[in-house]
Structures are given as C-alpha cells and as structure tokens.
Amino acid sequence: QVQLVESGGGLVQAGGSLRLSCVASGNIFSINAMGWYRQAPGKQRELVASITSGGSTNYADSVKGRCTISRDNAKNTVYLQMNSLKPEDTAVYYCYVDLAIWPPRRSWGQGTQGTVAS
C-alpha cells in the first residue's frame, strides 16, 4: 500500500505563488514518473506537469513558464512551484506516482485545493 500526502495549497491573490508538495510513503521499492494533475469545477482532470525518474519534465501549455516541477528521490517527494498565478489556475491539485512494479500501478493523492483570487 502506498500513501501520498499533499500539502501547500491555499488561497492567494492573482500574481502570487504556491508551492505544492507531495510525499509518498508505504510499500515503495522504486518510483518511475511523478506528477500533478488538477481539476477545476465543472472541468475534466488535466495534467499540469510530470517528471521522470531521470528528471525529464513535461508541462501543460497553460502553465509553461509559470510552473516548475521537481522531485527529491531520497524523500519520495515531488514539488510543484507555481508562480504568476491566475484565477483560472484555481483547482484541486492531485499528485501521482507511477510505481516501478509489474504490472504498472499509479497511486494518487487526496488532492489539495489551490484558489487564486482576482
């Protein structure tokens, strides 16, 4: 069993920043990719950013240049630094990890709310 605990959400003004963290614990041997999705009210969940075990990153077009994803493998932790936030960034942010097992399995966090006030 793997548990993911997110933190760092909150309420900020437009133009502000949030730094989200997600710590994975439990029966973890190795982790492949880690990342963040978000889901705004009335919208589908969308990928925000991902990072491979080798450090390669991928970002949604909507956050490129404003967000940075990073990870600390020793701590099984993934971070999402979000700057120049816009009201449309308001969403519940979910982290995930892809475990290096067979068959592949993705574990999800419970979500953390990020709200950007205009």
N, C-alpha and C. Protein backbone atom coordinates (compact mmCIF):
# COMPACT_ATOMS: atom_id res chain seq x y z
N GLN A 1 0.84 -1.18 0.00
CA GLN A 1 0.00 0.00 0.00
C GLN A 1 0.88 1.24 0.00
N VAL A 2 0.50 2.19 -0.84
CA VAL A 2 1.26 3.44 -0.95
C VAL A 2 0.34 4.61 -0.60
N GLN A 3 0.82 5.50 0.19
CA GLN A 3 0.06 6.70 0.56
C GLN A 3 0.78 7.93 0.04
N LEU A 4 -0.01 8.86 -0.49
CA LEU A 4 0.51 10.14 -0.96
C LEU A 4 -0.19 11.24 -0.17
N VAL A 5 0.61 12.12 0.39
CA VAL A 5 0.06 13.23 1.16
C VAL A 5 0.53 14.53 0.56
N GLU A 6 -0.43 15.34 0.11
CA GLU A 6 -0.13 16.63 -0.48
C GLU A 6 -0.25 17.74 0.55
N SER A 7 0.48 18.80 0.29
CA SER A 7 0.39 19.99 1.14
C SER A 7 0.78 21.19 0.31
N GLY A 8 0.47 22.37 0.84
CA GLY A 8 0.89 23.60 0.19
C GLY A 8 -0.20 24.36 -0.52
N GLY A 9 -1.39 23.79 -0.61
CA GLY A 9 -2.48 24.52 -1.24
C GLY A 9 -2.94 25.67 -0.36
N GLY A 10 -3.79 26.50 -0.94
CA GLY A 10 -4.30 27.63 -0.17
C GLY A 10 -4.89 28.68 -1.06
N LEU A 11 -5.10 29.84 -0.47
CA LEU A 11 -5.69 30.98 -1.18
C LEU A 11 -4.62 32.03 -1.40
N VAL A 12 -4.47 32.45 -2.65
CA VAL A 12 -3.51 33.50 -2.98
C VAL A 12 -4.17 34.50 -3.93
N GLN A 13 -3.59 35.66 -4.01
CA GLN A 13 -4.05 36.66 -4.96
C GLN A 13 -3.45 36.38 -6.32
N ALA A 14 -4.12 36.83 -7.35
CA ALA A 14 -3.58 36.71 -8.70
C ALA A 14 -2.19 37.32 -8.75
N GLY A 15 -1.30 36.63 -9.42
CA GLY A 15 0.09 37.06 -9.48
C GLY A 15 0.95 36.45 -8.40
N GLY A 16 0.33 35.81 -7.45
CA GLY A 16 1.07 35.20 -6.35
C GLY A 16 1.60 33.82 -6.70
N SER A 17 2.10 33.14 -5.67
CA SER A 17 2.74 31.84 -5.87
C SER A 17 2.23 30.83 -4.86
N LEU A 18 2.31 29.58 -5.26
CA LEU A 18 2.06 28.46 -4.38
C LEU A 18 3.12 27.41 -4.65
N ARG A 19 3.50 26.73 -3.59
CA ARG A 19 4.43 25.60 -3.72
C ARG A 19 3.76 24.38 -3.12
N LEU A 20 3.45 23.44 -3.99
CA LEU A 20 2.81 22.21 -3.55
C LEU A 20 3.86 21.13 -3.33
N SER A 21 3.61 20.30 -2.33
CA SER A 21 4.49 19.18 -2.04
C SER A 21 3.65 17.91 -1.95
N CYS A 22 4.26 16.80 -2.28
CA CYS A 22 3.58 15.51 -2.20
C CYS A 22 4.59 14.46 -1.77
N VAL A 23 4.33 13.84 -0.64
CA VAL A 23 5.24 12.84 -0.09
C VAL A 23 4.60 11.46 -0.23
N ALA A 24 5.33 10.55 -0.82
CA ALA A 24 4.86 9.18 -0.96
C ALA A 24 5.50 8.32 0.12
N SER A 25 4.70 7.45 0.71
CA SER A 25 5.21 6.55 1.74
C SER A 25 4.50 5.20 1.62
N GLY A 26 5.08 4.22 2.32
CA GLY A 26 4.48 2.90 2.29
C GLY A 26 5.37 1.91 1.59
N ASN A 27 4.73 0.96 0.91
CA ASN A 27 5.43 -0.13 0.26
C ASN A 27 5.99 0.33 -1.09
N ILE A 28 7.09 1.09 -1.03
CA ILE A 28 7.69 1.65 -2.24
C ILE A 28 9.07 1.06 -2.43
N PHE A 29 9.25 0.44 -3.58
CA PHE A 29 10.59 -0.03 -3.94
C PHE A 29 11.27 1.00 -4.82
N SER A 30 10.55 1.43 -5.83
CA SER A 30 11.11 2.41 -6.75
C SER A 30 9.96 3.13 -7.45
N ILE A 31 10.21 4.38 -7.80
CA ILE A 31 9.20 5.20 -8.46
C ILE A 31 9.69 5.62 -9.83
N ASN A 32 8.84 5.48 -10.81
CA ASN A 32 9.15 6.00 -12.14
C ASN A 32 8.73 7.47 -12.19
N ALA A 33 7.71 7.77 -12.94
CA ALA A 33 7.30 9.15 -13.08
C ALA A 33 6.49 9.63 -11.87
N MET A 34 6.54 10.93 -11.66
CA MET A 34 5.72 11.60 -10.65
C MET A 34 5.11 12.83 -11.31
N GLY A 35 4.02 13.29 -10.77
CA GLY A 35 3.45 14.48 -11.41
C GLY A 35 2.24 15.01 -10.70
N TRP A 36 1.64 15.98 -11.37
CA TRP A 36 0.48 16.67 -10.83
C TRP A 36 -0.60 16.82 -11.90
N TYR A 37 -1.81 16.55 -11.50
CA TYR A 37 -3.00 16.87 -12.28
C TYR A 37 -3.79 17.92 -11.49
N ARG A 38 -4.72 18.51 -12.17
CA ARG A 38 -5.65 19.41 -11.48
C ARG A 38 -7.05 19.26 -12.08
N GLN A 39 -8.02 19.60 -11.25
CA GLN A 39 -9.40 19.55 -11.71
C GLN A 39 -10.13 20.78 -11.19
N ALA A 40 -10.57 21.60 -12.11
CA ALA A 40 -11.34 22.79 -11.78
C ALA A 40 -12.83 22.42 -11.76
N PRO A 41 -13.64 23.20 -11.07
CA PRO A 41 -15.07 22.90 -11.01
C PRO A 41 -15.68 22.82 -12.41
N GLY A 42 -16.38 21.73 -12.66
CA GLY A 42 -17.06 21.56 -13.93
C GLY A 42 -16.16 21.17 -15.09
N LYS A 43 -14.90 20.91 -14.80
CA LYS A 43 -13.96 20.55 -15.87
C LYS A 43 -13.34 19.19 -15.61
N GLN A 44 -12.77 18.63 -16.66
CA GLN A 44 -12.09 17.35 -16.52
C GLN A 44 -10.73 17.53 -15.88
N ARG A 45 -10.27 16.47 -15.26
CA ARG A 45 -8.93 16.49 -14.68
C ARG A 45 -7.92 16.62 -15.81
N GLU A 46 -6.92 17.48 -15.63
CA GLU A 46 -5.90 17.68 -16.66
C GLU A 46 -4.51 17.59 -16.07
N LEU A 47 -3.59 17.14 -16.89
CA LEU A 47 -2.20 17.06 -16.47
C LEU A 47 -1.62 18.46 -16.38
N VAL A 48 -0.96 18.75 -15.28
CA VAL A 48 -0.26 20.03 -15.12
C VAL A 48 1.21 19.86 -15.45
N ALA A 49 1.85 18.87 -14.83
CA ALA A 49 3.27 18.67 -15.05
C ALA A 49 3.64 17.27 -14.60
N SER A 50 4.70 16.75 -15.21
CA SER A 50 5.21 15.45 -14.82
C SER A 50 6.73 15.47 -14.89
N ILE A 51 7.33 14.53 -14.17
CA ILE A 51 8.79 14.43 -14.15
C ILE A 51 9.15 12.95 -14.07
N THR A 52 10.09 12.55 -14.92
CA THR A 52 10.51 11.16 -14.94
C THR A 52 11.55 10.90 -13.85
N SER A 53 11.91 9.65 -13.68
CA SER A 53 12.93 9.31 -12.70
C SER A 53 14.28 9.92 -13.08
N GLY A 54 14.46 10.18 -14.36
CA GLY A 54 15.70 10.78 -14.83
C GLY A 54 15.69 12.30 -14.80
N GLY A 55 14.55 12.87 -14.45
CA GLY A 55 14.47 14.32 -14.33
C GLY A 55 13.90 15.04 -15.54
N SER A 56 13.46 14.31 -16.55
CA SER A 56 12.83 14.97 -17.70
C SER A 56 11.45 15.45 -17.30
N THR A 57 11.12 16.65 -17.74
CA THR A 57 9.86 17.25 -17.33
C THR A 57 8.96 17.51 -18.53
N ASN A 58 7.67 17.62 -18.20
CA ASN A 58 6.66 17.91 -19.21
C ASN A 58 5.62 18.80 -18.55
N TYR A 59 5.18 19.83 -19.27
CA TYR A 59 4.23 20.78 -18.72
C TYR A 59 3.05 20.99 -19.67
N ALA A 60 1.91 21.27 -19.09
CA ALA A 60 0.78 21.71 -19.89
C ALA A 60 1.10 23.08 -20.47
N ASP A 61 0.59 23.32 -21.65
CA ASP A 61 0.86 24.62 -22.29
C ASP A 61 0.38 25.78 -21.41
N SER A 62 -0.68 25.54 -20.68
CA SER A 62 -1.27 26.61 -19.88
C SER A 62 -0.40 27.05 -18.71
N VAL A 63 0.59 26.23 -18.34
CA VAL A 63 1.42 26.58 -17.18
C VAL A 63 2.89 26.73 -17.54
N LYS A 64 3.24 26.49 -18.79
CA LYS A 64 4.64 26.62 -19.19
C LYS A 64 5.16 28.01 -18.90
N GLY A 65 6.34 28.06 -18.31
CA GLY A 65 6.94 29.33 -17.98
C GLY A 65 6.51 29.87 -16.63
N ARG A 66 5.49 29.27 -16.05
CA ARG A 66 4.99 29.72 -14.76
C ARG A 66 5.16 28.67 -13.66
N CYS A 67 5.35 27.42 -14.05
CA CYS A 67 5.43 26.33 -13.08
C CYS A 67 6.73 25.56 -13.26
N THR A 68 7.21 25.05 -12.16
CA THR A 68 8.39 24.19 -12.17
C THR A 68 8.12 22.97 -11.31
N ILE A 69 8.30 21.80 -11.91
CA ILE A 69 8.16 20.56 -11.16
C ILE A 69 9.54 20.03 -10.82
N SER A 70 9.68 19.48 -9.63
CA SER A 70 10.95 18.90 -9.21
C SER A 70 10.66 17.74 -8.28
N ARG A 71 11.68 16.96 -8.02
CA ARG A 71 11.50 15.80 -7.15
C ARG A 71 12.75 15.56 -6.33
N ASP A 72 12.54 14.96 -5.18
CA ASP A 72 13.63 14.53 -4.31
C ASP A 72 13.46 13.03 -4.14
N ASN A 73 14.26 12.28 -4.87
CA ASN A 73 14.09 10.83 -4.86
C ASN A 73 14.37 10.23 -3.49
N ALA A 74 15.30 10.80 -2.77
CA ALA A 74 15.62 10.26 -1.45
C ALA A 74 14.45 10.39 -0.49
N LYS A 75 13.61 11.38 -0.74
CA LYS A 75 12.46 11.63 0.14
C LYS A 75 11.14 11.19 -0.48
N ASN A 76 11.20 10.60 -1.68
CA ASN A 76 9.97 10.20 -2.38
C ASN A 76 8.98 11.36 -2.45
N THR A 77 9.49 12.51 -2.79
CA THR A 77 8.69 13.73 -2.76
C THR A 77 8.75 14.43 -4.11
N VAL A 78 7.60 14.96 -4.52
CA VAL A 78 7.52 15.75 -5.73
C VAL A 78 6.96 17.13 -5.37
N TYR A 79 7.49 18.14 -6.02
CA TYR A 79 7.10 19.52 -5.74
C TYR A 79 6.54 20.17 -7.01
N LEU A 80 5.69 21.15 -6.80
CA LEU A 80 5.21 21.96 -7.91
C LEU A 80 5.23 23.41 -7.46
N GLN A 81 6.15 24.17 -8.04
CA GLN A 81 6.23 25.59 -7.77
C GLN A 81 5.43 26.32 -8.83
N MET A 82 4.44 27.07 -8.39
CA MET A 82 3.57 27.79 -9.33
C MET A 82 3.68 29.28 -9.06
N ASN A 83 4.05 30.02 -10.09
CA ASN A 83 4.21 31.46 -9.99
C ASN A 83 3.25 32.17 -10.94
N SER A 84 3.13 33.46 -10.75
CA SER A 84 2.26 34.28 -11.62
C SER A 84 0.89 33.64 -11.77
N LEU A 85 0.32 33.25 -10.66
CA LEU A 85 -0.94 32.51 -10.69
C LEU A 85 -2.08 33.37 -11.20
N LYS A 86 -3.00 32.70 -11.88
CA LYS A 86 -4.19 33.33 -12.45
C LYS A 86 -5.44 32.70 -11.84
N PRO A 87 -6.53 33.41 -11.87
CA PRO A 87 -7.77 32.81 -11.34
C PRO A 87 -8.11 31.48 -12.00
N GLU A 88 -7.76 31.33 -13.26
CA GLU A 88 -8.05 30.06 -13.94
C GLU A 88 -7.18 28.90 -13.47
N ASP A 89 -6.22 29.19 -12.62
CA ASP A 89 -5.43 28.11 -12.02
C ASP A 89 -6.14 27.52 -10.80
N THR A 90 -7.24 28.11 -10.42
CA THR A 90 -8.00 27.59 -9.28
C THR A 90 -8.49 26.18 -9.58
N ALA A 91 -8.14 25.24 -8.71
CA ALA A 91 -8.47 23.84 -8.93
C ALA A 91 -8.06 23.04 -7.71
N VAL A 92 -8.50 21.79 -7.71
CA VAL A 92 -7.93 20.82 -6.77
C VAL A 92 -6.75 20.17 -7.48
N TYR A 93 -5.62 20.17 -6.82
CA TYR A 93 -4.39 19.62 -7.40
C TYR A 93 -4.12 18.25 -6.79
N TYR A 94 -3.91 17.28 -7.68
CA TYR A 94 -3.68 15.90 -7.27
C TYR A 94 -2.28 15.47 -7.72
N CYS A 95 -1.53 14.90 -6.82
CA CYS A 95 -0.24 14.34 -7.23
C CYS A 95 -0.42 12.85 -7.51
N TYR A 96 0.53 12.32 -8.27
CA TYR A 96 0.53 10.88 -8.53
C TYR A 96 1.97 10.39 -8.61
N VAL A 97 2.11 9.10 -8.41
CA VAL A 97 3.40 8.44 -8.64
C VAL A 97 3.13 7.16 -9.42
N ASP A 98 4.02 6.86 -10.33
CA ASP A 98 3.97 5.61 -11.07
C ASP A 98 5.02 4.68 -10.48
N LEU A 99 4.54 3.64 -9.85
CA LEU A 99 5.45 2.72 -9.17
C LEU A 99 6.17 1.83 -10.19
N ALA A 100 7.43 1.55 -9.91
CA ALA A 100 8.25 0.72 -10.80
C ALA A 100 8.01 -0.74 -10.46
N ILE A 101 6.81 -1.20 -10.74
CA ILE A 101 6.44 -2.60 -10.49
C ILE A 101 5.72 -3.13 -11.71
N TRP A 102 5.49 -4.43 -11.73
CA TRP A 102 4.73 -5.03 -12.82
C TRP A 102 3.55 -5.79 -12.24
N PRO A 103 2.34 -5.54 -12.72
CA PRO A 103 2.02 -4.54 -13.73
C PRO A 103 2.14 -3.12 -13.17
N PRO A 104 2.32 -2.17 -14.04
CA PRO A 104 2.47 -0.78 -13.58
C PRO A 104 1.25 -0.32 -12.79
N ARG A 105 1.48 0.49 -11.80
CA ARG A 105 0.39 1.00 -10.99
C ARG A 105 0.64 2.46 -10.66
N ARG A 106 -0.43 3.22 -10.73
CA ARG A 106 -0.37 4.64 -10.39
C ARG A 106 -1.13 4.86 -9.09
N SER A 107 -0.49 5.55 -8.18
CA SER A 107 -1.12 5.91 -6.92
C SER A 107 -1.37 7.41 -6.91
N TRP A 108 -2.48 7.79 -6.27
CA TRP A 108 -2.92 9.18 -6.26
C TRP A 108 -3.00 9.74 -4.84
N GLY A 109 -2.77 11.04 -4.76
CA GLY A 109 -3.01 11.74 -3.50
C GLY A 109 -4.48 12.11 -3.40
N GLN A 110 -4.82 12.68 -2.24
CA GLN A 110 -6.22 13.00 -1.97
C GLN A 110 -6.61 14.35 -2.54
N GLY A 111 -5.65 15.13 -2.95
CA GLY A 111 -5.92 16.43 -3.54
C GLY A 111 -5.74 17.57 -2.55
N THR A 112 -5.30 18.69 -3.06
CA THR A 112 -5.18 19.89 -2.25
C THR A 112 -5.73 21.06 -3.05
N GLN A 113 -6.51 21.89 -2.39
CA GLN A 113 -7.18 22.99 -3.07
C GLN A 113 -6.25 24.17 -3.24
N GLY A 114 -6.19 24.67 -4.44
CA GLY A 114 -5.48 25.92 -4.71
C GLY A 114 -6.48 26.92 -5.28
N THR A 115 -6.61 28.06 -4.64
CA THR A 115 -7.57 29.07 -5.07
C THR A 115 -6.84 30.38 -5.32
N VAL A 116 -7.08 30.93 -6.50
CA VAL A 116 -6.46 32.19 -6.89
C VAL A 116 -7.55 33.25 -7.01
N ALA A 117 -7.45 34.25 -6.17
CA ALA A 117 -8.44 35.33 -6.17
C ALA A 117 -8.02 36.44 -7.13
N SER A 118 -8.99 36.97 -7.83
CA SER A 118 -8.68 38.04 -8.79
C SER A 118 -8.64 39.40 -8.11
